[in-house]
Protein backbone atom coordinates (compact mmCIF):
# COMPACT_ATOMS: atom_id res chain seq x y z
CA MET A 1 11.32 -70.93 15.69
CA ASN A 2 8.48 -68.13 16.11
CA LEU A 3 8.28 -66.21 13.43
CA THR A 4 8.27 -62.02 14.12
CA TYR A 5 6.19 -59.72 12.21
CA PRO A 6 6.75 -55.68 12.24
CA ILE A 7 4.75 -53.60 14.29
CA ARG A 8 2.47 -52.31 11.57
CA ASN A 9 0.68 -49.52 13.82
CA TYR A 10 2.60 -46.74 14.21
CA ASN A 11 0.97 -46.17 17.75
CA ASP A 12 1.74 -49.69 18.93
CA VAL A 13 5.67 -48.37 17.98
CA GLN A 14 4.86 -45.19 20.37
CA LYS A 15 3.49 -47.36 22.98
CA LEU A 16 6.57 -49.85 22.95
CA LYS A 17 8.83 -46.74 23.04
CA ASN A 18 6.65 -44.86 25.70
CA TYR A 19 6.66 -47.96 28.04
CA PHE A 20 9.86 -47.57 28.76
CA LEU A 21 10.21 -43.79 28.84
CA GLU A 22 7.54 -44.02 31.32
CA LYS A 23 9.60 -46.60 33.57
CA ASN A 24 12.77 -44.26 33.46
CA GLU A 25 14.48 -46.85 31.70
CA TYR A 26 16.77 -44.43 29.48
CA ARG A 27 19.01 -47.42 28.21
CA ASN A 28 16.14 -49.41 27.18
CA TYR A 29 14.34 -46.55 25.79
CA MET A 30 17.49 -45.93 23.57
CA LEU A 31 17.91 -49.57 22.68
CA ILE A 32 14.46 -49.49 21.01
CA THR A 33 14.69 -46.00 19.43
CA PHE A 34 17.87 -47.11 17.96
CA CYS A 35 16.89 -50.74 16.77
CA LEU A 36 13.69 -48.58 14.95
CA ASN A 37 15.31 -46.30 13.29
CA THR A 38 18.78 -47.90 12.04
CA ALA A 39 17.30 -51.29 10.63
CA LEU A 40 20.59 -52.93 11.80
CA ARG A 41 20.58 -56.46 13.50
CA ILE A 42 20.91 -56.61 17.02
CA SER A 43 24.41 -58.23 16.92
CA ASP A 44 25.46 -54.75 15.29
CA ILE A 45 23.92 -52.77 17.56
CA ILE A 46 24.81 -53.97 21.07
CA GLY A 47 28.46 -53.58 20.67
CA ILE A 48 28.13 -49.99 19.50
CA LYS A 49 30.84 -47.85 21.78
CA TRP A 50 30.10 -44.07 22.72
CA SER A 51 33.28 -43.43 20.94
CA ASP A 52 31.37 -44.52 17.33
CA ILE A 53 28.90 -41.79 17.78
CA THR A 54 30.27 -39.30 19.55
CA ASP A 55 33.08 -37.07 18.66
CA GLU A 56 36.33 -36.22 20.95
CA LYS A 57 34.23 -33.04 22.26
CA ASN A 58 31.14 -35.52 22.80
CA ARG A 59 29.00 -33.97 19.96
CA ILE A 60 26.89 -36.47 18.83
CA ARG A 61 28.17 -37.30 15.30
CA PRO A 62 25.96 -37.07 12.09
CA HIS A 63 26.53 -40.89 11.03
CA ILE A 64 27.60 -44.22 12.39
CA ILE A 65 29.35 -46.31 10.48
CA ILE A 66 29.34 -50.07 11.19
CA LYS A 67 30.73 -53.11 9.81
CA GLU A 68 27.88 -55.32 9.55
CA ARG A 69 28.72 -58.81 11.45
CA LYS A 70 26.99 -60.89 9.45
CA THR A 71 27.42 -59.62 5.86
CA GLY A 72 30.88 -57.89 6.25
CA LYS A 73 29.44 -54.94 4.83
CA SER A 74 30.08 -51.58 6.01
CA SER A 75 27.00 -49.15 6.36
CA GLU A 76 26.58 -45.66 6.99
CA ILE A 77 23.67 -44.80 8.81
CA PRO A 78 22.33 -41.33 9.76
CA ILE A 79 21.88 -40.35 13.36
CA ASN A 80 18.38 -38.88 12.67
CA LYS A 81 16.24 -36.72 15.34
CA GLN A 82 14.71 -39.87 17.18
CA ILE A 83 17.83 -41.23 18.11
CA ARG A 84 19.80 -37.97 18.82
CA ALA A 85 16.86 -37.31 21.29
CA ALA A 86 17.08 -40.77 23.11
CA ILE A 87 21.22 -40.22 23.32
CA ARG A 88 20.42 -36.76 24.88
CA LEU A 89 18.01 -38.27 27.38
CA TYR A 90 20.01 -41.00 28.22
CA LEU A 91 23.16 -38.75 28.76
CA GLU A 92 20.93 -36.15 30.65
CA ASN A 93 20.09 -39.03 33.06
CA CYS A 94 22.86 -41.63 33.32
CA GLY A 95 26.08 -40.51 31.87
CA LYS A 96 27.96 -42.14 29.57
CA GLY A 97 30.36 -45.36 29.75
CA THR A 98 32.15 -47.03 27.15
CA TYR A 99 29.25 -48.92 25.48
CA LEU A 100 26.16 -47.32 24.42
CA PHE A 101 24.00 -50.81 25.85
CA GLU A 102 25.82 -51.32 28.98
CA ASN A 103 25.26 -54.20 31.09
CA GLY A 104 26.11 -52.34 34.18
CA MET A 105 29.27 -54.73 34.76
CA GLY A 106 31.32 -52.57 32.15
CA GLY A 107 30.54 -54.44 28.93
CA HIS A 108 27.63 -54.70 26.59
CA ILE A 109 24.33 -56.38 26.94
CA THR A 110 24.16 -59.67 24.95
CA ARG A 111 21.73 -60.14 22.12
CA VAL A 112 19.48 -62.54 24.66
CA HIS A 113 19.17 -59.71 27.33
CA ALA A 114 18.23 -57.32 24.30
CA HIS A 115 15.48 -59.83 23.19
CA ARG A 116 14.26 -60.44 26.59
CA ILE A 117 14.10 -56.54 27.00
CA ILE A 118 12.29 -56.06 23.66
CA HIS A 119 9.73 -58.90 24.35
CA SER A 120 8.86 -57.99 27.73
CA GLY A 121 8.52 -54.49 26.38
CA GLY A 122 5.89 -55.87 23.83
CA VAL A 123 4.09 -57.84 26.41
CA GLU A 124 3.81 -55.41 28.86
CA SER A 125 3.08 -52.31 26.70
CA GLY A 126 0.08 -54.85 25.37
CA ILE A 127 1.44 -54.74 22.02
CA GLY A 128 1.75 -58.64 21.85
CA SER A 129 4.26 -61.57 22.65
CA ASN A 130 5.35 -61.88 19.28
CA ILE A 131 7.86 -58.79 19.33
CA SER A 132 11.75 -59.50 19.24
CA CYS A 133 14.74 -57.37 18.17
CA HIS A 134 14.30 -58.78 14.94
CA SER A 135 10.59 -56.99 15.00
CA LEU A 136 12.42 -53.86 14.91
CA ARG A 137 14.35 -54.24 12.03
CA LYS A 138 11.42 -55.49 10.38
CA THR A 139 9.18 -52.61 11.46
CA PHE A 140 11.45 -49.68 9.77
CA GLY A 141 11.32 -51.52 6.58
CA TYR A 142 7.74 -51.61 6.74
CA HIS A 143 7.18 -48.03 7.48
CA ALA A 144 9.40 -47.12 5.15
CA TRP A 145 7.62 -49.11 2.46
CA LYS A 146 4.31 -47.75 3.53
CA MET A 147 5.92 -44.34 2.96
CA GLY A 148 6.48 -44.84 -0.67
CA VAL A 149 9.96 -45.94 -0.25
CA PRO A 150 10.78 -48.47 -3.16
CA PRO A 151 11.42 -51.64 -2.00
CA ALA A 152 14.85 -51.99 -4.23
CA LEU A 153 16.07 -49.09 -2.03
CA ILE A 154 14.73 -50.93 1.42
CA MET A 155 16.58 -54.22 -0.02
CA GLU A 156 20.06 -51.69 -0.44
CA ILE A 157 19.52 -50.77 3.46
CA TYR A 158 19.09 -53.83 4.93
CA ASN A 159 22.02 -55.16 3.11
CA HIS A 160 19.91 -58.01 1.47
CA SER A 161 21.25 -60.28 -1.54
CA SER A 162 17.55 -61.16 -2.60
CA TYR A 163 14.24 -59.34 -2.86
CA THR A 164 12.72 -62.28 -1.71
CA VAL A 165 14.31 -62.00 2.00
CA THR A 166 13.22 -58.51 1.77
CA LYS A 167 9.25 -58.98 0.92
CA ARG A 168 9.24 -61.45 3.84
CA TYR A 169 10.72 -58.45 6.07
CA LEU A 170 7.87 -56.16 4.69
CA GLY A 171 5.36 -58.69 5.94
CA ILE A 172 2.89 -57.45 2.97
CA LEU A 173 -0.85 -58.94 3.85
CA GLN A 174 -3.68 -59.31 2.01
CA GLU A 175 -5.00 -55.98 2.90
CA ASP A 176 -1.90 -54.27 1.59
CA LYS A 177 -2.57 -56.10 -2.11
CA ASP A 178 -6.56 -55.12 -1.41
CA THR A 179 -5.53 -51.63 -0.82
CA VAL A 180 -3.85 -51.32 -4.41
CA PHE A 181 -6.34 -52.96 -5.97
CA ASN A 182 -8.89 -51.02 -4.46
CA ASN A 183 -7.19 -47.79 -5.34
CA ILE A 184 -6.21 -48.54 -9.05
CA MET A 185 -9.14 -46.87 -10.99
CA LEU A 186 -8.30 -47.34 -14.64
């Protein structure tokens, strides 16, 4: 099994998103944006229906409420500006079906299809071949941690039962530790 890591460089995150945007692949752009901004597992994302994120008047809801497949726990996640913009762009260009991430046959894309989209986007955009669905989940936590979000809160967002798992997700490198030691001047 290949290990995946968060995308540490913010410009690489934007490069991945822009790769799909420049190709007018709005569903795939929305997929990347959704993965990066919700920290959900791909198995929870692919089955989202339009009715989960829009009300009866087609207004985007403030939150999405998901019962996570792996943990069985419920999560209420704000639909932030990035996700809203991706949804609006998709709706303007593609319209709306049943699922947010439709496969063209009335169903939703599979985990394997989502992986292929994300992996090929990483390769084609020049970011690298070690990009997967889980990389995007880890990227959320890494950038939250770098912004100063306490690791305990990141653990809660991920619904991890152990801080050890969250530490692995953050992908803490020696250079991260060096920065702390070099900036502490007691």
